[in-house]
Structure formats: C-alpha cells, structure tokens
Amino acid sequence: METLLQQLINGLVQGSIYALVALGYTLVYGIMGLINFAHGEVVMIGALVALSVTGALTAAGLPLWLAGALGIAVAILTCMALGWSLERIAYRPLRHAPRLTPLITAIGMSIVLQNLAMMLWGRNYMQFPALFPKAAFSVGGAHFTAVQIIMVLTSAAMMIGLAFLVYRTRLGMAMRATAQNSQVAGLMGVNIDRVVAAAFVIGSALAAVAGVMVGAYYEIAHYQMGFMLGLKAFTAAVLGGIGNLGGAMAGGILLGLIEALGAGYIGDLTGGFLGSHYQDIFAFIVLIAVLVFRPAGLFGEKTGERA
C-alpha cells in the first residue's frame, strides 16, 4: 500500500508537468492544426533563461527569492517573445501550405533552438538554483516534498486559468471560433493572425513555467532537457485527444500515473529490467496503442474532413 501511494504521488507530480506542456501542443493544434514540435525546446529555453538570470542577480547581491522571482518573470517574457517569433517567422508564411511542410519546419526549428542553446549555455549539465523550500512530508508511509506540492498546485492553477480564458473571455471565444472554422471566423470579424499569435504566446508562457518547475524539481538544466519532455507531452496530448484542453490535462495526469506505476510495479515483476531506467518505454507504448486503437484519443471526437 505504501508503494502504491508513493507511486501515485510521483505520477501526479510528473503528470502535472506533462499536462502543462501538453496544453501548449493542444492549444496550437486545436486552432491551426499544427503540431509544434519546437514546443519542448521552448520549455528548455525557459529553464535556462531563469537559471541564468537568477544566477546573475544572486551574484549581484539580491536575495535568492527575489532573484528567482525576477528570473521566472524574465523567462516567461522571453518564451512569450520566442513563441511569437516562431509563429510570425517560421509558421505564418506556411499557414496555407501542405500539412507536411509546417511539420518539417517545426522539427527544423526544434533542432535550431537546441543548437542555439548549446552555443549559448554549453553542453554540460548546469545546476539549477534551489528556488523553493526543501521541506519534506510523509503521509501513510509515502514521502513528498514542498517542491512537489508547489508543482502540482501551480500546474492546477494554470490549467484552471487557461480553461477560464478559453471558455469565458472574448479572446477564448475567438480562439474557439477560429478552431471550428477559421474562414467563417474571419468573415465575422475575428483577426485570425492575432488569435493564432495569442495561442503561441500563451502556450509559450505555460512552457516557461513548466521549464522552471522541471529545473527546480531535478535541480539541473541542459540544452536537451526539452526534447524527451516534449515527446512525452505530445503523447499526453494524443492520449487525451489532441485539440481538447480537458483531454490534454487528463492525458498528462494519466500518462504520469502510467509511467510511475509501470516503473514501480512492472519493474519489480521483470526483476528491474523495465524499471525506472526504462520508464520512457511506457509512454511510447501508450502512444502506439492510442494511435492503433483510438486515434482520436480518449476524449477526442471522430470527425470527418470538412468539404
């Protein structure tokens, strides 16, 4: 029972990060049908910018809490500018191109951002500053930390905030109209370019927060840290039904639980062969199974092509 509770806590923490990153994928895909494979690199940029700014301000004499808050703010603004630039420079000119073209461009932008980060920050792993308290708690034999609590609560708050924006504001109404039929939305006075840019900016802000939380949780940052996280978040979005905000949230949490329980229990049954070192296997088994048996995802709807 203690092992089950511990794995559920671990899965919830990991799943909250997957869900936060998956929202960026599903927000963009739902509006313009593009899988932005560079989104994981935006997460990485957010973590590295926060690390650099926090380190520089701490060295200048600012207290860690203030330096960390400013570092997070700068990381969010930087990622928002990066998301806007990606949409404006790389994706907007290809909006009416065949679907394979922007997909290849997204992969290319992912590689460009990885190499740019490698040139700026180097190849080595960098120690992330301890921005959050390290208090530890224990319930029912399971252990968790203050950092994990902050991660889950922050992710939940941002998911709720995004849902409110999409379903209760004029911008959200414009986003949903564009997702349903961009041509008709344009005829009704919706500025399509502004809506798409807003989707990239909002998704990039969520990515920056996710990057900071991942860095603070593992206490390291690296120029390749966003690659695998991005793939898993994409898997979560597909699992829940890409284009569906609620599905992305549920898919992220579910994927985190599957990984944690798989690494904890299946690893024991296989004598450690499929343990924590191979937990990535479970994410991609889920991706293959969903694509084979339910391509629309758990909460997606099967729709035909519009005429």
Protein backbone atom coordinates (compact mmCIF):
# COMPACT_ATOMS: atom_id res chain seq x y z
CA MET A 1 0.00 0.00 0.00
CA GLU A 2 2.86 2.36 0.79
CA THR A 3 4.43 1.65 -2.60
CA LEU A 4 1.12 2.32 -4.36
CA LEU A 5 0.62 5.64 -2.58
CA GLN A 6 4.21 6.70 -3.29
CA GLN A 7 3.88 5.88 -6.98
CA LEU A 8 0.56 7.71 -7.19
CA ILE A 9 2.20 10.83 -5.73
CA ASN A 10 5.15 10.54 -8.11
CA GLY A 11 2.81 10.02 -11.05
CA LEU A 12 0.65 13.01 -10.11
CA VAL A 13 3.69 15.28 -9.91
CA GLN A 14 5.13 14.10 -13.21
CA GLY A 15 1.73 14.09 -14.86
CA SER A 16 1.07 17.70 -13.87
CA ILE A 17 4.17 18.74 -15.83
CA TYR A 18 3.15 16.65 -18.84
CA ALA A 19 -0.31 18.22 -18.73
CA LEU A 20 1.07 21.77 -18.56
CA VAL A 21 3.32 21.22 -21.58
CA ALA A 22 0.61 19.27 -23.44
CA LEU A 23 -1.70 22.28 -23.19
CA GLY A 24 0.72 24.21 -25.39
CA TYR A 25 0.60 21.48 -28.03
CA THR A 26 -3.16 21.13 -27.97
CA LEU A 27 -3.85 24.89 -27.93
CA VAL A 28 -1.89 25.43 -31.14
CA TYR A 29 -3.13 22.24 -32.82
CA GLY A 30 -6.76 22.96 -31.97
CA ILE A 31 -6.60 26.37 -33.64
CA MET A 32 -4.39 25.80 -36.69
CA GLY A 33 -3.86 22.03 -36.96
CA LEU A 34 -0.08 22.30 -36.43
CA ILE A 35 1.96 20.02 -34.18
CA ASN A 36 4.59 22.41 -32.87
CA PHE A 37 7.49 20.03 -32.22
CA ALA A 38 9.63 23.01 -31.14
CA HIS A 39 7.46 23.43 -28.03
CA GLY A 40 9.73 21.23 -25.91
CA GLU A 41 12.65 23.49 -26.75
CA VAL A 42 10.65 26.50 -25.53
CA VAL A 43 10.40 24.69 -22.19
CA MET A 44 14.19 24.27 -22.20
CA ILE A 45 14.80 27.93 -23.06
CA GLY A 46 12.57 28.97 -20.17
CA ALA A 47 14.53 26.87 -17.69
CA LEU A 48 17.93 28.09 -18.91
CA VAL A 49 16.92 31.76 -19.00
CA ALA A 50 15.53 31.54 -15.46
CA LEU A 51 18.75 29.83 -14.33
CA SER A 52 20.99 32.48 -15.91
CA VAL A 53 19.02 35.48 -14.68
CA THR A 54 18.67 34.09 -11.17
CA GLY A 55 22.38 33.30 -11.01
CA ALA A 56 23.39 36.75 -12.25
CA LEU A 57 21.09 38.60 -9.84
CA THR A 58 22.15 36.41 -6.91
CA ALA A 59 25.80 37.14 -7.69
CA ALA A 60 24.91 40.85 -7.74
CA GLY A 61 23.71 40.60 -4.14
CA LEU A 62 19.93 40.13 -4.45
CA PRO A 63 18.28 37.62 -2.11
CA LEU A 64 17.51 34.29 -3.76
CA TRP A 65 13.73 34.62 -3.50
CA LEU A 66 13.74 37.99 -5.30
CA ALA A 67 16.31 36.87 -7.88
CA GLY A 68 14.27 33.73 -8.51
CA ALA A 69 11.02 35.67 -8.94
CA LEU A 70 12.67 38.04 -11.41
CA GLY A 71 14.28 35.09 -13.19
CA ILE A 72 10.91 33.40 -13.63
CA ALA A 73 9.36 36.64 -14.90
CA VAL A 74 12.15 37.16 -17.44
CA ALA A 75 11.88 33.51 -18.54
CA ILE A 76 8.14 33.88 -19.14
CA LEU A 77 8.59 37.09 -21.14
CA THR A 78 11.45 35.57 -23.15
CA CYS A 79 9.44 32.47 -24.01
CA MET A 80 6.42 34.55 -24.95
CA ALA A 81 8.60 36.58 -27.33
CA LEU A 82 10.11 33.36 -28.68
CA GLY A 83 6.68 31.82 -29.27
CA TRP A 84 5.50 34.96 -31.08
CA SER A 85 8.67 34.97 -33.22
CA LEU A 86 8.28 31.29 -34.14
CA GLU A 87 4.71 31.86 -35.29
CA ARG A 88 5.48 35.07 -37.16
CA ILE A 89 8.69 33.98 -38.89
CA ALA A 90 8.51 30.19 -39.27
CA TYR A 91 4.83 29.20 -39.32
CA ARG A 92 2.69 32.08 -40.58
CA PRO A 93 4.17 32.05 -44.11
CA LEU A 94 3.35 28.34 -44.32
CA ARG A 95 -0.19 28.51 -42.96
CA HIS A 96 -1.77 27.53 -46.28
CA ALA A 97 1.00 25.16 -47.36
CA PRO A 98 0.53 21.36 -47.38
CA ARG A 99 0.45 19.97 -43.83
CA LEU A 100 3.79 18.19 -44.16
CA THR A 101 5.63 21.46 -44.80
CA PRO A 102 4.96 23.20 -41.43
CA LEU A 103 5.55 19.87 -39.66
CA ILE A 104 9.04 19.60 -41.15
CA THR A 105 9.60 23.26 -40.32
CA ALA A 106 8.64 22.62 -36.68
CA ILE A 107 11.18 19.79 -36.45
CA GLY A 108 13.78 22.07 -38.03
CA MET A 109 13.06 24.84 -35.51
CA SER A 110 13.45 22.32 -32.69
CA ILE A 111 16.94 21.45 -33.93
CA VAL A 112 17.83 25.13 -34.42
CA LEU A 113 16.78 26.03 -30.87
CA GLN A 114 18.67 23.07 -29.39
CA ASN A 115 21.88 24.08 -31.14
CA LEU A 116 21.40 27.74 -30.29
CA ALA A 117 21.02 26.83 -26.61
CA MET A 118 24.11 24.62 -26.82
CA MET A 119 26.15 27.54 -28.17
CA LEU A 120 24.85 29.95 -25.52
CA TRP A 121 24.89 27.70 -22.43
CA GLY A 122 27.27 24.91 -23.41
CA ARG A 123 26.95 21.12 -23.47
CA ASN A 124 27.34 20.44 -19.75
CA TYR A 125 24.57 19.98 -17.22
CA MET A 126 24.03 23.11 -15.13
CA GLN A 127 22.92 23.17 -11.51
CA PHE A 128 19.54 24.84 -11.10
CA PRO A 129 19.22 27.12 -8.04
CA ALA A 130 17.01 25.93 -5.17
CA LEU A 131 14.13 28.37 -5.71
CA PHE A 132 11.64 26.54 -3.49
CA PRO A 133 11.86 25.23 0.10
CA LYS A 134 13.05 21.64 0.53
CA ALA A 135 10.73 20.70 3.36
CA ALA A 136 9.73 17.01 3.34
CA PHE A 137 6.45 15.46 4.44
CA SER A 138 5.20 11.94 4.99
CA VAL A 139 1.64 10.56 4.77
CA GLY A 140 0.79 6.88 5.10
CA GLY A 141 4.42 5.90 4.58
CA ALA A 142 4.70 7.88 1.33
CA HIS A 143 7.10 10.80 1.11
CA PHE A 144 6.79 14.06 -0.82
CA THR A 145 8.39 17.49 -0.73
CA ALA A 146 7.28 21.10 -0.77
CA VAL A 147 8.61 21.39 -4.33
CA GLN A 148 6.22 18.65 -5.46
CA ILE A 149 3.28 20.34 -3.76
CA ILE A 150 4.14 23.66 -5.41
CA MET A 151 4.45 21.95 -8.81
CA VAL A 152 1.03 20.30 -8.58
CA LEU A 153 -0.74 23.41 -7.25
CA THR A 154 0.92 25.70 -9.82
CA SER A 155 0.01 23.37 -12.67
CA ALA A 156 -3.58 23.09 -11.47
CA ALA A 157 -3.91 26.87 -11.13
CA MET A 158 -2.55 27.48 -14.64
CA MET A 159 -4.81 24.81 -16.14
CA ILE A 160 -7.85 26.38 -14.47
CA GLY A 161 -6.74 29.83 -15.61
CA LEU A 162 -6.33 28.66 -19.20
CA ALA A 163 -9.73 26.97 -19.17
CA PHE A 164 -11.30 30.21 -17.88
CA LEU A 165 -9.56 32.20 -20.62
CA VAL A 166 -10.69 29.86 -23.38
CA TYR A 167 -14.29 29.40 -22.25
CA ARG A 168 -15.12 32.70 -20.51
CA THR A 169 -13.36 35.53 -22.38
CA ARG A 170 -13.68 37.22 -25.77
CA LEU A 171 -10.22 36.02 -26.77
CA GLY A 172 -11.22 32.48 -25.88
CA MET A 173 -14.39 32.82 -27.91
CA ALA A 174 -12.32 33.99 -30.87
CA MET A 175 -9.97 31.02 -30.38
CA ARG A 176 -12.84 28.54 -30.37
CA ALA A 177 -14.41 30.16 -33.42
CA THR A 178 -11.09 30.02 -35.30
CA ALA A 179 -10.61 26.38 -34.31
CA GLN A 180 -14.06 25.49 -35.60
CA ASN A 181 -13.79 27.32 -38.94
CA SER A 182 -11.13 29.95 -39.47
CA GLN A 183 -12.61 31.27 -42.74
CA VAL A 184 -16.04 31.89 -41.26
CA ALA A 185 -14.47 33.38 -38.12
CA GLY A 186 -12.51 35.79 -40.31
CA LEU A 187 -15.71 36.84 -42.10
CA MET A 188 -17.30 37.52 -38.70
CA GLY A 189 -14.54 39.98 -37.81
CA VAL A 190 -12.09 37.76 -35.93
CA ASN A 191 -8.45 38.70 -36.52
CA ILE A 192 -7.05 35.25 -37.31
CA ASP A 193 -3.40 36.33 -37.22
CA ARG A 194 -3.84 37.84 -33.76
CA VAL A 195 -5.66 34.77 -32.44
CA VAL A 196 -3.00 32.35 -33.68
CA ALA A 197 -0.21 34.53 -32.31
CA ALA A 198 -2.01 34.67 -28.95
CA ALA A 199 -2.19 30.87 -28.88
CA PHE A 200 1.58 30.61 -29.40
CA VAL A 201 2.29 33.30 -26.79
CA ILE A 202 0.04 31.73 -24.14
CA GLY A 203 1.38 28.23 -24.81
CA SER A 204 4.95 29.53 -24.57
CA ALA A 205 4.23 31.19 -21.22
CA LEU A 206 2.95 27.85 -19.88
CA ALA A 207 6.10 26.20 -21.28
CA ALA A 208 8.32 28.67 -19.42
CA VAL A 209 6.62 27.88 -16.11
CA ALA A 210 6.94 24.16 -16.82
CA GLY A 211 10.64 24.57 -17.59
CA VAL A 212 11.29 26.37 -14.30
CA MET A 213 9.42 23.70 -12.34
CA VAL A 214 11.29 20.86 -14.04
CA GLY A 215 14.60 22.58 -13.39
CA ALA A 216 13.72 23.22 -9.74
CA TYR A 217 12.49 19.64 -9.28
CA TYR A 218 15.54 17.87 -10.73
CA GLU A 219 17.93 20.73 -9.82
CA ILE A 220 19.62 20.58 -13.23
CA ALA A 221 19.14 22.16 -16.65
CA HIS A 222 20.53 21.13 -20.02
CA TYR A 223 20.15 22.14 -23.65
CA GLN A 224 18.46 18.80 -24.46
CA MET A 225 16.12 18.70 -21.46
CA GLY A 226 13.08 19.70 -23.52
CA PHE A 227 13.34 17.01 -26.19
CA MET A 228 12.10 13.96 -24.28
CA LEU A 229 9.71 16.06 -22.19
CA GLY A 230 8.20 17.45 -25.37
CA LEU A 231 7.70 13.98 -26.84
CA LYS A 232 6.00 12.77 -23.68
CA ALA A 233 3.78 15.84 -23.51
CA PHE A 234 2.83 15.24 -27.14
CA THR A 235 1.98 11.66 -26.17
CA ALA A 236 -0.20 13.01 -23.36
CA ALA A 237 -1.98 15.35 -25.77
CA VAL A 238 -2.63 12.47 -28.19
CA LEU A 239 -3.77 10.24 -25.33
CA GLY A 240 -6.35 12.75 -24.14
CA GLY A 241 -7.38 13.85 -27.62
CA ILE A 242 -5.17 16.50 -29.21
CA GLY A 243 -7.08 19.74 -29.65
CA ASN A 244 -9.11 19.08 -26.49
CA LEU A 245 -7.94 21.12 -23.48
CA GLY A 246 -9.61 18.87 -20.91
CA GLY A 247 -8.20 15.85 -22.72
CA ALA A 248 -4.66 17.28 -22.57
CA MET A 249 -4.97 17.79 -18.82
CA ALA A 250 -6.37 14.31 -18.24
CA GLY A 251 -3.90 12.73 -20.66
CA GLY A 252 -0.93 14.32 -18.88
CA ILE A 253 -2.02 13.13 -15.45
CA LEU A 254 -2.85 9.66 -16.77
CA LEU A 255 0.48 9.33 -18.57
CA GLY A 256 2.37 10.34 -15.43
CA LEU A 257 0.49 7.72 -13.41
CA ILE A 258 1.12 5.05 -16.05
CA GLU A 259 4.84 5.78 -16.03
CA ALA A 260 5.10 5.80 -12.25
CA LEU A 261 3.08 2.63 -11.73
CA GLY A 262 4.81 0.91 -14.64
CA ALA A 263 8.28 1.72 -13.35
CA GLY A 264 7.29 0.77 -9.81
CA TYR A 265 5.37 -2.46 -10.36
CA ILE A 266 6.26 -3.84 -13.78
CA GLY A 267 9.89 -3.11 -12.97
CA ASP A 268 9.60 -5.34 -9.91
CA LEU A 269 7.90 -8.13 -11.88
CA THR A 270 10.66 -8.10 -14.51
CA GLY A 271 13.46 -8.06 -11.97
CA GLY A 272 14.29 -4.42 -12.69
CA PHE A 273 14.59 -4.95 -16.46
CA LEU A 274 11.74 -2.50 -17.09
CA GLY A 275 12.32 -0.38 -14.01
CA SER A 276 12.81 3.34 -13.63
CA HIS A 277 15.71 3.43 -16.12
CA TYR A 278 13.30 2.26 -18.83
CA GLN A 279 10.21 4.21 -17.81
CA ASP A 280 10.21 6.02 -21.18
CA ILE A 281 9.09 2.72 -22.72
CA PHE A 282 5.68 3.01 -21.09
CA ALA A 283 4.98 6.45 -22.60
CA PHE A 284 5.66 5.27 -26.13
CA ILE A 285 3.77 2.00 -25.67
CA VAL A 286 0.78 4.17 -24.72
CA LEU A 287 1.33 6.37 -27.80
CA ILE A 288 1.41 3.36 -30.15
CA ALA A 289 -1.65 1.80 -28.51
CA VAL A 290 -3.68 5.01 -28.76
CA LEU A 291 -2.74 5.58 -32.40
CA VAL A 292 -3.68 1.99 -33.27
CA PHE A 293 -6.88 1.54 -31.28
CA ARG A 294 -8.25 5.08 -30.75
CA PRO A 295 -6.52 7.68 -32.94
CA ALA A 296 -8.88 10.42 -31.74
CA GLY A 297 -7.71 9.94 -28.13
CA LEU A 298 -9.69 9.11 -25.03
CA PHE A 299 -11.70 12.34 -25.06
CA GLY A 300 -11.44 13.28 -28.72
CA GLU A 301 -14.25 13.04 -31.21
CA LYS A 302 -14.09 11.35 -34.59
CA THR A 303 -14.76 13.96 -37.23
CA GLY A 304 -14.77 13.81 -40.97
CA GLU A 305 -12.83 16.13 -43.22
CA ARG A 306 -14.63 19.40 -43.95
CA ALA A 307 -15.62 19.95 -47.55
